[in-house]
Amino acid sequence: MKESKPVVRIAATARYLPDDVLANADLERMVNTSDAWIRERTGILERRIAPKDMTAADMGERASLAVMEKTGIEPSDIDLIIVTTATPDRWLPSTACEVQSRIGAARTCFAFDLHAACTGFLYALSVAEGQIASGRCETVLVVSTEKMTSIIDWEDRSTCILFGDGAGAALVRPSDDDKGILSSYHRSDGDMALVLQRPAGGTAKPIDEEVLRNRDHLLRMSGREVFKSAVQSMARAGSLALEGAGKTCDDVDLMVPHQANVRIIESTARYAGIPMERVFVNLHRYGNISSATIPVALDEAAEQGKLANGALVLLTAFGAGLTWGAMTMRW
């Protein structure tokens, strides 16, 4: 089967990670856990923590300016800004509009948030692909920025050990050769919404004294259900995305999965038929930074020379919603 010509490509990536590091040894002093327990069950050694006065828009701005500097584009060159975040600075306006203003692109393009939790970056890439394919846009800036530590219950040892903060950005432009997105597959399951959620804080259950007392405005997760669903969903999505591109697992040069838990990554790779030596993992240094994990990982993989020109790359992700997806691209 002849490989189809892609419509769009990722022209460049960039990342921003806060300087402050929270190691497992630090968590031992905060909650009933241990470095050995965290390593064994998650593969995480440390994570980055944004200062209290640093917002999701702050981190998104820094990643955006970095990717603009790499490509030499001006704010006026950007037609659309899509920000993915589970931790917006405020409910109104969108974090995308905040980032738009900060990078000097106000009034020259349109901007909106896309909320699909950890799968957000892949969803946003598909939206960018559609906008460019339609002819409405030429250059789309996708920014994934997460301050996950702002919604963590630091008394819940099952979740507080998992997450960190950071941002990644990707510039999406039309493809003029065989490089770019070849296929994608996305799904969601609202019937499983309650296994990974923030029970309160929205219109269904606004924050009040009882909510704060019960800590219901913070993240809650049913770990066993999430683990099982994540592995099955990402592996199947990856297989279908490869099939859509006329490829098999043997063709994959590098799989870049959502960095949630090393056991999930290893199980997904095994079910997908991809050996771990062809899987990029940086979870041990950053933890789970939700939708920012894949753009940050892509940027690091490229920087480390693990994404050769023309490499076949498989992206897979899974998040609250439940949402999941995969994408095959020629780098």
C-alpha atoms as a PDB file:
ATOM      1  CA  MET A   1       0.000   0.000   0.000  1.00  0.00           C
ATOM      2  CA  LYS A   2       1.456   3.318  -1.075  1.00  0.00           C
ATOM      3  CA  GLU A   3       1.943   5.834   1.735  1.00  0.00           C
ATOM      4  CA  SER A   4      -0.456   8.759   1.349  1.00  0.00           C
ATOM      5  CA  LYS A   5       0.917  12.287   1.181  1.00  0.00           C
ATOM      6  CA  PRO A   6       0.396  14.093   4.475  1.00  0.00           C
ATOM      7  CA  VAL A   7      -1.466  17.380   4.614  1.00  0.00           C
ATOM      8  CA  VAL A   8       0.365  18.848   7.610  1.00  0.00           C
ATOM      9  CA  ARG A   9       3.584  18.395   9.520  1.00  0.00           C
ATOM     10  CA  ILE A  10       5.024  19.464  12.838  1.00  0.00           C
ATOM     11  CA  ALA A  11       7.490  22.118  11.759  1.00  0.00           C
ATOM     12  CA  ALA A  12       9.080  22.520  15.194  1.00  0.00           C
ATOM     13  CA  THR A  13       8.613  21.755  18.878  1.00  0.00           C
ATOM     14  CA  ALA A  14       9.717  23.393  22.109  1.00  0.00           C
ATOM     15  CA  ARG A  15       9.256  22.843  25.826  1.00  0.00           C
ATOM     16  CA  TYR A  16       9.347  24.599  29.154  1.00  0.00           C
ATOM     17  CA  LEU A  17       9.867  22.871  32.498  1.00  0.00           C
ATOM     18  CA  PRO A  18      10.006  24.735  35.825  1.00  0.00           C
ATOM     19  CA  ASP A  19      13.340  24.707  37.646  1.00  0.00           C
ATOM     20  CA  ASP A  20      12.100  23.343  40.976  1.00  0.00           C
ATOM     21  CA  VAL A  21      12.423  19.559  41.350  1.00  0.00           C
ATOM     22  CA  LEU A  22      10.342  17.462  43.736  1.00  0.00           C
ATOM     23  CA  ALA A  23      12.110  14.131  44.228  1.00  0.00           C
ATOM     24  CA  ASN A  24      10.625  10.996  45.714  1.00  0.00           C
ATOM     25  CA  ALA A  25      12.699  11.587  48.842  1.00  0.00           C
ATOM     26  CA  ASP A  26      10.897  14.918  49.290  1.00  0.00           C
ATOM     27  CA  LEU A  27       7.524  13.174  49.027  1.00  0.00           C
ATOM     28  CA  GLU A  28       8.569  10.758  51.763  1.00  0.00           C
ATOM     29  CA  ARG A  29       8.502  13.731  54.134  1.00  0.00           C
ATOM     30  CA  MET A  30       5.085  14.885  52.926  1.00  0.00           C
ATOM     31  CA  VAL A  31       2.974  11.739  52.720  1.00  0.00           C
ATOM     32  CA  ASN A  32       3.110   8.078  53.764  1.00  0.00           C
ATOM     33  CA  THR A  33       5.137   6.710  50.853  1.00  0.00           C
ATOM     34  CA  SER A  34       8.686   5.758  49.923  1.00  0.00           C
ATOM     35  CA  ASP A  35      11.073   6.204  47.041  1.00  0.00           C
ATOM     36  CA  ALA A  36      11.154   2.432  46.466  1.00  0.00           C
ATOM     37  CA  TRP A  37       7.342   2.201  46.411  1.00  0.00           C
ATOM     38  CA  ILE A  38       7.009   5.039  43.891  1.00  0.00           C
ATOM     39  CA  ARG A  39       9.787   3.715  41.631  1.00  0.00           C
ATOM     40  CA  GLU A  40       8.375   0.200  41.575  1.00  0.00           C
ATOM     41  CA  ARG A  41       4.791   1.177  40.830  1.00  0.00           C
ATOM     42  CA  THR A  42       5.256   4.193  38.573  1.00  0.00           C
ATOM     43  CA  GLY A  43       8.846   4.491  37.362  1.00  0.00           C
ATOM     44  CA  ILE A  44       8.915   8.133  38.483  1.00  0.00           C
ATOM     45  CA  LEU A  45      12.014   9.462  40.261  1.00  0.00           C
ATOM     46  CA  GLU A  46      11.193  13.169  40.311  1.00  0.00           C
ATOM     47  CA  ARG A  47       8.886  15.774  38.853  1.00  0.00           C
ATOM     48  CA  ARG A  48       9.004  19.550  38.154  1.00  0.00           C
ATOM     49  CA  ILE A  49       6.943  21.892  40.307  1.00  0.00           C
ATOM     50  CA  ALA A  50       5.914  25.374  39.184  1.00  0.00           C
ATOM     51  CA  PRO A  51       6.179  28.153  41.774  1.00  0.00           C
ATOM     52  CA  LYS A  52       2.908  29.340  43.304  1.00  0.00           C
ATOM     53  CA  ASP A  53       2.965  32.546  41.262  1.00  0.00           C
ATOM     54  CA  MET A  54       3.612  30.751  37.950  1.00  0.00           C
ATOM     55  CA  THR A  55       0.476  30.045  35.906  1.00  0.00           C
ATOM     56  CA  ALA A  56      -0.392  27.717  33.056  1.00  0.00           C
ATOM     57  CA  ALA A  57      -0.345  30.735  30.737  1.00  0.00           C
ATOM     58  CA  ASP A  58       3.154  31.648  31.969  1.00  0.00           C
ATOM     59  CA  MET A  59       4.492  28.231  31.031  1.00  0.00           C
ATOM     60  CA  GLY A  60       2.559  28.188  27.757  1.00  0.00           C
ATOM     61  CA  GLU A  61       3.979  31.577  26.851  1.00  0.00           C
ATOM     62  CA  ARG A  62       7.551  30.386  27.398  1.00  0.00           C
ATOM     63  CA  ALA A  63       7.081  27.237  25.309  1.00  0.00           C
ATOM     64  CA  SER A  64       5.371  29.279  22.561  1.00  0.00           C
ATOM     65  CA  LEU A  65       8.115  31.883  22.361  1.00  0.00           C
ATOM     66  CA  ALA A  66      10.716  29.114  22.242  1.00  0.00           C
ATOM     67  CA  VAL A  67       9.107  27.394  19.255  1.00  0.00           C
ATOM     68  CA  MET A  68       8.638  30.755  17.503  1.00  0.00           C
ATOM     69  CA  GLU A  69      12.310  31.542  18.008  1.00  0.00           C
ATOM     70  CA  LYS A  70      13.292  28.167  16.530  1.00  0.00           C
ATOM     71  CA  THR A  71      11.330  28.811  13.344  1.00  0.00           C
ATOM     72  CA  GLY A  72      11.752  32.565  13.114  1.00  0.00           C
ATOM     73  CA  ILE A  73       8.023  33.204  12.721  1.00  0.00           C
ATOM     74  CA  GLU A  74       6.392  36.422  13.858  1.00  0.00           C
ATOM     75  CA  PRO A  75       3.158  36.638  15.888  1.00  0.00           C
ATOM     76  CA  SER A  76       1.379  37.911  12.785  1.00  0.00           C
ATOM     77  CA  ASP A  77       2.265  34.658  10.964  1.00  0.00           C
ATOM     78  CA  ILE A  78       0.094  32.587  13.323  1.00  0.00           C
ATOM     79  CA  ASP A  79      -3.466  31.931  12.168  1.00  0.00           C
ATOM     80  CA  LEU A  80      -4.717  29.862  15.111  1.00  0.00           C
ATOM     81  CA  ILE A  81      -3.642  29.079  18.667  1.00  0.00           C
ATOM     82  CA  ILE A  82      -4.985  25.935  20.346  1.00  0.00           C
ATOM     83  CA  VAL A  83      -4.177  25.490  24.014  1.00  0.00           C
ATOM     84  CA  THR A  84      -4.766  22.166  25.726  1.00  0.00           C
ATOM     85  CA  THR A  85      -4.923  22.242  29.509  1.00  0.00           C
ATOM     86  CA  ALA A  86      -6.711  20.580  32.388  1.00  0.00           C
ATOM     87  CA  THR A  87      -5.561  23.401  34.659  1.00  0.00           C
ATOM     88  CA  PRO A  88      -6.725  26.706  33.148  1.00  0.00           C
ATOM     89  CA  ASP A  89      -5.756  29.856  34.994  1.00  0.00           C
ATOM     90  CA  ARG A  90      -9.417  30.818  35.219  1.00  0.00           C
ATOM     91  CA  TRP A  91     -12.724  29.675  33.714  1.00  0.00           C
ATOM     92  CA  LEU A  92     -13.011  32.856  31.645  1.00  0.00           C
ATOM     93  CA  PRO A  93     -11.291  33.871  29.453  1.00  0.00           C
ATOM     94  CA  SER A  94      -9.586  30.889  27.829  1.00  0.00           C
ATOM     95  CA  THR A  95      -5.931  30.243  28.532  1.00  0.00           C
ATOM     96  CA  ALA A  96      -5.413  30.379  24.757  1.00  0.00           C
ATOM     97  CA  CYS A  97      -6.453  34.030  24.697  1.00  0.00           C
ATOM     98  CA  GLU A  98      -4.059  34.692  27.577  1.00  0.00           C
ATOM     99  CA  VAL A  99      -1.202  33.098  25.640  1.00  0.00           C
ATOM    100  CA  GLN A 100      -2.220  34.940  22.468  1.00  0.00           C
ATOM    101  CA  SER A 101      -1.900  38.274  24.231  1.00  0.00           C
ATOM    102  CA  ARG A 102       1.406  37.419  25.879  1.00  0.00           C
ATOM    103  CA  ILE A 103       3.135  36.439  22.622  1.00  0.00           C
ATOM    104  CA  GLY A 104       1.895  39.525  20.786  1.00  0.00           C
ATOM    105  CA  ALA A 105      -0.632  37.788  18.552  1.00  0.00           C
ATOM    106  CA  ALA A 106      -3.776  39.550  19.786  1.00  0.00           C
ATOM    107  CA  ARG A 107      -6.241  40.464  17.021  1.00  0.00           C
ATOM    108  CA  THR A 108      -4.125  38.776  14.317  1.00  0.00           C
ATOM    109  CA  CYS A 109      -5.510  35.249  14.774  1.00  0.00           C
ATOM    110  CA  PHE A 110      -8.125  33.285  16.717  1.00  0.00           C
ATOM    111  CA  ALA A 111      -7.498  31.202  19.830  1.00  0.00           C
ATOM    112  CA  PHE A 112      -9.350  28.681  21.934  1.00  0.00           C
ATOM    113  CA  ASP A 113      -8.841  26.002  24.587  1.00  0.00           C
ATOM    114  CA  LEU A 114      -9.355  22.308  23.902  1.00  0.00           C
ATOM    115  CA  HIS A 115     -10.073  20.158  26.936  1.00  0.00           C
ATOM    116  CA  ALA A 116      -9.405  16.435  26.473  1.00  0.00           C
ATOM    117  CA  ALA A 117      -7.139  15.936  29.505  1.00  0.00           C
ATOM    118  CA  CYS A 118      -4.000  13.901  28.729  1.00  0.00           C
ATOM    119  CA  THR A 119      -5.137  13.193  25.151  1.00  0.00           C
ATOM    120  CA  GLY A 120      -5.450  16.905  24.415  1.00  0.00           C
ATOM    121  CA  PHE A 121      -2.294  17.302  22.335  1.00  0.00           C
ATOM    122  CA  LEU A 122      -3.322  14.596  19.863  1.00  0.00           C
ATOM    123  CA  TYR A 123      -6.859  15.979  19.603  1.00  0.00           C
ATOM    124  CA  ALA A 124      -5.412  19.443  18.977  1.00  0.00           C
ATOM    125  CA  LEU A 125      -3.093  18.174  16.241  1.00  0.00           C
ATOM    126  CA  SER A 126      -6.102  16.702  14.445  1.00  0.00           C
ATOM    127  CA  VAL A 127      -8.008  19.986  14.772  1.00  0.00           C
ATOM    128  CA  ALA A 128      -4.982  21.835  13.389  1.00  0.00           C
ATOM    129  CA  GLU A 129      -4.797  19.360  10.514  1.00  0.00           C
ATOM    130  CA  GLY A 130      -8.451  20.002   9.675  1.00  0.00           C
ATOM    131  CA  GLN A 131      -8.107  23.783   9.771  1.00  0.00           C
ATOM    132  CA  ILE A 132      -5.089  23.710   7.473  1.00  0.00           C
ATOM    133  CA  ALA A 133      -6.673  21.157   5.132  1.00  0.00           C
ATOM    134  CA  SER A 134      -9.748  23.382   4.824  1.00  0.00           C
ATOM    135  CA  GLY A 135      -7.588  26.304   3.736  1.00  0.00           C
ATOM    136  CA  ARG A 136      -8.656  28.446   6.691  1.00  0.00           C
ATOM    137  CA  CYS A 137      -5.211  28.386   8.304  1.00  0.00           C
ATOM    138  CA  GLU A 138      -1.601  28.198   7.219  1.00  0.00           C
ATOM    139  CA  THR A 139       0.149  28.147  10.584  1.00  0.00           C
ATOM    140  CA  VAL A 140      -1.273  26.702  13.808  1.00  0.00           C
ATOM    141  CA  LEU A 141       0.392  26.948  17.203  1.00  0.00           C
ATOM    142  CA  VAL A 142      -0.547  24.056  19.500  1.00  0.00           C
ATOM    143  CA  VAL A 143       0.358  24.652  23.142  1.00  0.00           C
ATOM    144  CA  SER A 144      -0.089  22.100  25.916  1.00  0.00           C
ATOM    145  CA  THR A 145       0.466  23.604  29.341  1.00  0.00           C
ATOM    146  CA  GLU A 146      -0.330  22.023  32.684  1.00  0.00           C
ATOM    147  CA  LYS A 147       0.039  23.021  36.327  1.00  0.00           C
ATOM    148  CA  MET A 148      -1.133  19.667  37.623  1.00  0.00           C
ATOM    149  CA  THR A 149       0.238  20.292  41.098  1.00  0.00           C
ATOM    150  CA  SER A 150      -2.466  22.946  41.550  1.00  0.00           C
ATOM    151  CA  ILE A 151      -5.237  20.303  41.492  1.00  0.00           C
ATOM    152  CA  ILE A 152      -3.479  17.519  43.403  1.00  0.00           C
ATOM    153  CA  ASP A 153      -4.557  16.361  46.847  1.00  0.00           C
ATOM    154  CA  TRP A 154      -1.222  16.230  48.620  1.00  0.00           C
ATOM    155  CA  GLU A 155      -2.764  13.991  51.284  1.00  0.00           C
ATOM    156  CA  ASP A 156      -3.650  11.300  48.719  1.00  0.00           C
ATOM    157  CA  ARG A 157      -0.533   9.195  48.196  1.00  0.00           C
ATOM    158  CA  SER A 158      -2.061   7.332  45.263  1.00  0.00           C
ATOM    159  CA  THR A 159      -2.223  10.466  43.086  1.00  0.00           C
ATOM    160  CA  CYS A 160       0.132  13.117  44.496  1.00  0.00           C
ATOM    161  CA  ILE A 161       3.176  11.030  43.517  1.00  0.00           C
ATOM    162  CA  LEU A 162       2.215  10.952  39.839  1.00  0.00           C
ATOM    163  CA  PHE A 163       1.982  14.472  38.519  1.00  0.00           C
ATOM    164  CA  GLY A 164       4.201  17.397  37.629  1.00  0.00           C
ATOM    165  CA  ASP A 165       4.090  20.726  35.801  1.00  0.00           C
ATOM    166  CA  GLY A 166       5.329  21.888  32.421  1.00  0.00           C
ATOM    167  CA  ALA A 167       4.473  22.926  28.878  1.00  0.00           C
ATOM    168  CA  GLY A 168       5.187  21.868  25.326  1.00  0.00           C
ATOM    169  CA  ALA A 169       4.473  23.603  22.031  1.00  0.00           C
ATOM    170  CA  ALA A 170       4.323  22.536  18.396  1.00  0.00           C
ATOM    171  CA  LEU A 171       4.089  24.602  15.245  1.00  0.00           C
ATOM    172  CA  VAL A 172       1.888  22.890  12.643  1.00  0.00           C
ATOM    173  CA  ARG A 173       2.175  23.880   8.979  1.00  0.00           C
ATOM    174  CA  PRO A 174       1.300  22.428   5.558  1.00  0.00           C
ATOM    175  CA  SER A 175       3.463  19.554   4.369  1.00  0.00           C
ATOM    176  CA  ASP A 176       5.254  19.950   1.042  1.00  0.00           C
ATOM    177  CA  ASP A 177       6.829  16.484   1.000  1.00  0.00           C
ATOM    178  CA  ASP A 178       6.274  13.067   2.594  1.00  0.00           C
ATOM    179  CA  LYS A 179       6.801  14.346   6.170  1.00  0.00           C
ATOM    180  CA  GLY A 180       3.821  14.837   8.458  1.00  0.00           C
ATOM    181  CA  ILE A 181       0.686  13.239   9.878  1.00  0.00           C
ATOM    182  CA  LEU A 182      -0.252  10.059   7.999  1.00  0.00           C
ATOM    183  CA  SER A 183      -3.240   8.890  10.032  1.00  0.00           C
ATOM    184  CA  SER A 184      -4.988   9.275  13.372  1.00  0.00           C
ATOM    185  CA  TYR A 185      -7.583   7.534  15.508  1.00  0.00           C
ATOM    186  CA  HIS A 186      -9.514   9.097  18.399  1.00  0.00           C
ATOM    187  CA  ARG A 187     -12.243   7.880  20.721  1.00  0.00           C
ATOM    188  CA  SER A 188     -13.867   8.710  24.072  1.00  0.00           C
ATOM    189  CA  ASP A 189     -16.105   6.951  26.589  1.00  0.00           C
ATOM    190  CA  GLY A 190     -18.265   9.213  28.747  1.00  0.00           C
ATOM    191  CA  ASP A 191     -19.639   6.190  30.593  1.00  0.00           C
ATOM    192  CA  MET A 192     -16.254   5.979  32.329  1.00  0.00           C
ATOM    193  CA  ALA A 193     -16.077   9.661  33.248  1.00  0.00           C
ATOM    194  CA  LEU A 194     -16.096   9.177  37.010  1.00  0.00           C
ATOM    195  CA  VAL A 195     -12.987   6.987  37.210  1.00  0.00           C
ATOM    196  CA  LEU A 196     -10.778  10.061  36.688  1.00  0.00           C
ATOM    197  CA  GLN A 197     -12.272  13.390  37.694  1.00  0.00           C
ATOM    198  CA  ARG A 198     -12.445  16.460  39.881  1.00  0.00           C
ATOM    199  CA  PRO A 199     -15.781  15.867  41.667  1.00  0.00           C
ATOM    200  CA  ALA A 200     -16.460  19.539  42.430  1.00  0.00           C
ATOM    201  CA  GLY A 201     -15.583  23.031  41.315  1.00  0.00           C
ATOM    202  CA  GLY A 202     -17.824  23.348  38.254  1.00  0.00           C
ATOM    203  CA  THR A 203     -21.468  24.313  37.846  1.00  0.00           C
ATOM    204  CA  ALA A 204     -22.740  20.897  38.977  1.00  0.00           C
ATOM    205  CA  LYS A 205     -21.094  21.299  42.371  1.00  0.00           C
ATOM    206  CA  PRO A 206     -19.627  24.763  42.938  1.00  0.00           C
ATOM    207  CA  ILE A 207     -16.920  25.253  45.522  1.00  0.00           C
ATOM    208  CA  ASP A 208     -18.252  25.906  49.012  1.00  0.00           C
ATOM    209  CA  GLU A 209     -17.087  25.201  52.550  1.00  0.00           C
ATOM    210  CA  GLU A 210     -18.143  21.551  52.373  1.00  0.00           C
ATOM    211  CA  VAL A 211     -16.323  20.993  49.096  1.00  0.00           C
ATOM    212  CA  LEU A 212     -13.150  22.507  50.489  1.00  0.00           C
ATOM    213  CA  ARG A 213     -13.444  20.512  53.697  1.00  0.00           C
ATOM    214  CA  ASN A 214     -13.867  17.248  51.762  1.00  0.00           C
ATOM    215  CA  ARG A 215     -11.202  18.267  49.212  1.00  0.00           C
ATOM    216  CA  ASP A 216     -13.639  17.399  46.420  1.00  0.00           C
ATOM    217  CA  HIS A 217     -12.255  20.127  44.162  1.00  0.00           C
ATOM    218  CA  LEU A 218      -9.073  18.091  43.755  1.00  0.00           C
ATOM    219  CA  LEU A 219      -8.209  15.177  41.479  1.00  0.00           C
ATOM    220  CA  ARG A 220      -9.674  11.737  42.179  1.00  0.00           C
ATOM    221  CA  MET A 221      -8.691   8.585  40.328  1.00  0.00           C
ATOM    222  CA  SER A 222      -9.661   4.912  40.397  1.00  0.00           C
ATOM    223  CA  GLY A 223      -6.215   3.594  39.578  1.00  0.00           C
ATOM    224  CA  ARG A 224      -7.043  -0.002  38.680  1.00  0.00           C
ATOM    225  CA  GLU A 225      -9.795   0.932  36.220  1.00  0.00           C
ATOM    226  CA  VAL A 226      -7.650   3.643  34.646  1.00  0.00           C
ATOM    227  CA  PHE A 227      -4.688   1.283  34.222  1.00  0.00           C
ATOM    228  CA  LYS A 228      -6.708  -1.402  32.479  1.00  0.00           C
ATOM    229  CA  SER A 229      -8.535   1.022  30.189  1.00  0.00           C
ATOM    230  CA  ALA A 230      -5.368   2.944  29.332  1.00  0.00           C
ATOM    231  CA  VAL A 231      -3.415  -0.101  28.189  1.00  0.00           C
ATOM    232  CA  GLN A 232      -6.213  -1.601  26.110  1.00  0.00           C
ATOM    233  CA  SER A 233      -7.280   1.704  24.563  1.00  0.00           C
ATOM    234  CA  MET A 234      -3.826   3.006  23.657  1.00  0.00           C
ATOM    235  CA  ALA A 235      -2.661  -0.319  22.217  1.00  0.00           C
ATOM    236  CA  ARG A 236      -5.772  -0.672  20.049  1.00  0.00           C
ATOM    237  CA  ALA A 237      -5.665   2.978  18.979  1.00  0.00           C
ATOM    238  CA  GLY A 238      -2.025   2.580  18.021  1.00  0.00           C
ATOM    239  CA  SER A 239      -2.772  -0.498  15.915  1.00  0.00           C
ATOM    240  CA  LEU A 240      -5.643   1.255  14.140  1.00  0.00           C
ATOM    241  CA  ALA A 241      -3.586   4.392  13.491  1.00  0.00           C
ATOM    242  CA  LEU A 242      -0.850   2.238  11.972  1.00  0.00           C
ATOM    243  CA  GLU A 243      -3.412   0.362   9.899  1.00  0.00           C
ATOM    244  CA  GLY A 244      -4.787   3.678   8.658  1.00  0.00           C
ATOM    245  CA  ALA A 245      -1.321   4.581   7.418  1.00  0.00           C
ATOM    246  CA  GLY A 246      -0.782   1.179   5.845  1.00  0.00           C
ATOM    247  CA  LYS A 247       1.913   0.343   8.385  1.00  0.00           C
ATOM    248  CA  THR A 248       2.572  -2.288  11.036  1.00  0.00           C
ATOM    249  CA  CYS A 249       4.349  -2.284  14.378  1.00  0.00           C
ATOM    250  CA  ASP A 250       7.520  -3.457  12.617  1.00  0.00           C
ATOM    251  CA  ASP A 251       7.620  -0.182  10.664  1.00  0.00           C
ATOM    252  CA  VAL A 252       7.643   2.023  13.783  1.00  0.00           C
ATOM    253  CA  ASP A 253      10.995   3.673  14.470  1.00  0.00           C
ATOM    254  CA  LEU A 254       9.863   5.345  17.686  1.00  0.00           C
ATOM    255  CA  MET A 255       6.729   5.212  19.794  1.00  0.00           C
ATOM    256  CA  VAL A 256       6.110   8.286  21.950  1.00  0.00           C
ATOM    257  CA  PRO A 257       3.365   7.458  24.448  1.00  0.00           C
ATOM    258  CA  HIS A 258       1.664   9.588  27.059  1.00  0.00           C
ATOM    259  CA  GLN A 259       3.940   9.479  30.092  1.00  0.00           C
ATOM    260  CA  ALA A 260       1.581   8.382  32.860  1.00  0.00           C
ATOM    261  CA  ASN A 261       3.105   5.295  34.437  1.00  0.00           C
ATOM    262  CA  VAL A 262       5.983   3.094  33.291  1.00  0.00           C
ATOM    263  CA  ARG A 263       3.875  -0.038  33.784  1.00  0.00           C
ATOM    264  CA  ILE A 264       1.200   1.373  31.476  1.00  0.00           C
ATOM    265  CA  ILE A 265       3.858   2.274  28.898  1.00  0.00           C
ATOM    266  CA  GLU A 266       5.473  -1.162  29.035  1.00  0.00           C
ATOM    267  CA  SER A 267       2.135  -2.973  28.822  1.00  0.00           C
ATOM    268  CA  THR A 268       0.949  -0.784  25.940  1.00  0.00           C
ATOM    269  CA  ALA A 269       4.184  -1.374  24.030  1.00  0.00           C
ATOM    270  CA  ARG A 270       3.925  -5.129  24.595  1.00  0.00           C
ATOM    271  CA  TYR A 271       0.332  -5.312  23.371  1.00  0.00           C
ATOM    272  CA  ALA A 272       1.185  -3.075  20.418  1.00  0.00           C
ATOM    273  CA  GLY A 273       4.117  -5.326  19.500  1.00  0.00           C
ATOM    274  CA  ILE A 274       6.768  -2.611  19.862  1.00  0.00           C
ATOM    275  CA  PRO A 275       9.940  -3.377  21.892  1.00  0.00           C
ATOM    276  CA  MET A 276      10.845  -0.924  24.658  1.00  0.00           C
ATOM    277  CA  GLU A 277      14.096   0.020  22.912  1.00  0.00           C
ATOM    278  CA  ARG A 278      11.882   1.745  20.332  1.00  0.00           C
ATOM    279  CA  VAL A 279       9.783   3.566  22.959  1.00  0.00           C
ATOM    280  CA  PHE A 280      10.709   7.017  24.267  1.00  0.00           C
ATOM    281  CA  VAL A 281      10.368   7.441  28.033  1.00  0.00           C
ATOM    282  CA  ASN A 282      11.138  10.535  30.119  1.00  0.00           C
ATOM    283  CA  LEU A 283       8.549   9.844  32.825  1.00  0.00           C
ATOM    284  CA  HIS A 284      11.246   9.251  35.439  1.00  0.00           C
ATOM    285  CA  ARG A 285      12.272  12.923  35.354  1.00  0.00           C
ATOM    286  CA  TYR A 286       8.960  14.726  34.920  1.00  0.00           C
ATOM    287  CA  GLY A 287       6.101  12.493  36.051  1.00  0.00           C
ATOM    288  CA  ASN A 288       2.734  12.879  34.365  1.00  0.00           C
ATOM    289  CA  ILE A 289       2.282  16.393  32.971  1.00  0.00           C
ATOM    290  CA  SER A 290      -1.027  15.517  31.324  1.00  0.00           C
ATOM    291  CA  SER A 291      -1.419  16.850  27.773  1.00  0.00           C
ATOM    292  CA  ALA A 292       2.109  18.311  27.826  1.00  0.00           C
ATOM    293  CA  THR A 293       3.837  14.917  28.077  1.00  0.00           C
ATOM    294  CA  ILE A 294       3.899  14.138  24.353  1.00  0.00           C
ATOM    295  CA  PRO A 295       5.093  17.525  23.011  1.00  0.00           C
ATOM    296  CA  VAL A 296       7.760  17.661  25.732  1.00  0.00           C
ATOM    297  CA  ALA A 297       8.824  14.099  24.888  1.00  0.00           C
ATOM    298  CA  LEU A 298       8.899  14.842  21.146  1.00  0.00           C
ATOM    299  CA  ASP A 299      11.078  17.880  21.726  1.00  0.00           C
ATOM    300  CA  GLU A 300      13.501  15.915  23.895  1.00  0.00           C
ATOM    301  CA  ALA A 301      13.579  12.947  21.518  1.00  0.00           C
ATOM    302  CA  ALA A 302      14.439  15.230  18.600  1.00  0.00           C
ATOM    303  CA  GLU A 303      17.085  17.000  20.668  1.00  0.00           C
ATOM    304  CA  GLN A 304      18.653  13.658  21.634  1.00  0.00           C
ATOM    305  CA  GLY A 305      18.815  12.497  18.024  1.00  0.00           C
ATOM    306  CA  LYS A 306      16.206   9.776  18.489  1.00  0.00           C
ATOM    307  CA  LEU A 307      13.972  11.185  15.746  1.00  0.00           C
ATOM    308  CA  ALA A 308      15.890  10.811  12.525  1.00  0.00           C
ATOM    309  CA  ASN A 309      14.712  12.556   9.401  1.00  0.00           C
ATOM    310  CA  GLY A 310      12.015  10.352   7.848  1.00  0.00           C
ATOM    311  CA  ALA A 311      11.441   8.252  10.972  1.00  0.00           C
ATOM    312  CA  LEU A 312       8.002   6.679  11.389  1.00  0.00           C
ATOM    313  CA  VAL A 313       6.615   7.854  14.723  1.00  0.00           C
ATOM    314  CA  LEU A 314       3.619   6.520  16.620  1.00  0.00           C
ATOM    315  CA  LEU A 315       2.002   8.760  19.247  1.00  0.00           C
ATOM    316  CA  THR A 316      -0.466   7.324  21.759  1.00  0.00           C
ATOM    317  CA  ALA A 317      -2.360   8.946  24.627  1.00  0.00           C
ATOM    318  CA  PHE A 318      -5.102   8.338  27.170  1.00  0.00           C
ATOM    319  CA  GLY A 319      -6.823  10.624  29.657  1.00  0.00           C
ATOM    320  CA  ALA A 320      -9.866  11.654  31.647  1.00  0.00           C
ATOM    321  CA  GLY A 321     -13.173  11.603  29.842  1.00  0.00           C
ATOM    322  CA  LEU A 322     -12.258   8.911  29.186  1.00  0.00           C
ATOM    323  CA  THR A 323     -10.404   9.986  26.044  1.00  0.00           C
ATOM    324  CA  TRP A 324      -7.740   8.242  24.001  1.00  0.00           C
ATOM    325  CA  GLY A 325      -6.115   8.293  20.624  1.00  0.00           C
ATOM    326  CA  ALA A 326      -3.090   7.608  18.453  1.00  0.00           C
ATOM    327  CA  MET A 327      -1.375   9.206  15.498  1.00  0.00           C
ATOM    328  CA  THR A 328       1.115   7.973  12.916  1.00  0.00           C
ATOM    329  CA  MET A 329       3.498  10.503  11.382  1.00  0.00           C
ATOM    330  CA  ARG A 330       6.572  10.677   9.223  1.00  0.00           C
ATOM    331  CA  TRP A 331       9.102  12.886  11.018  1.00  0.00           C
END
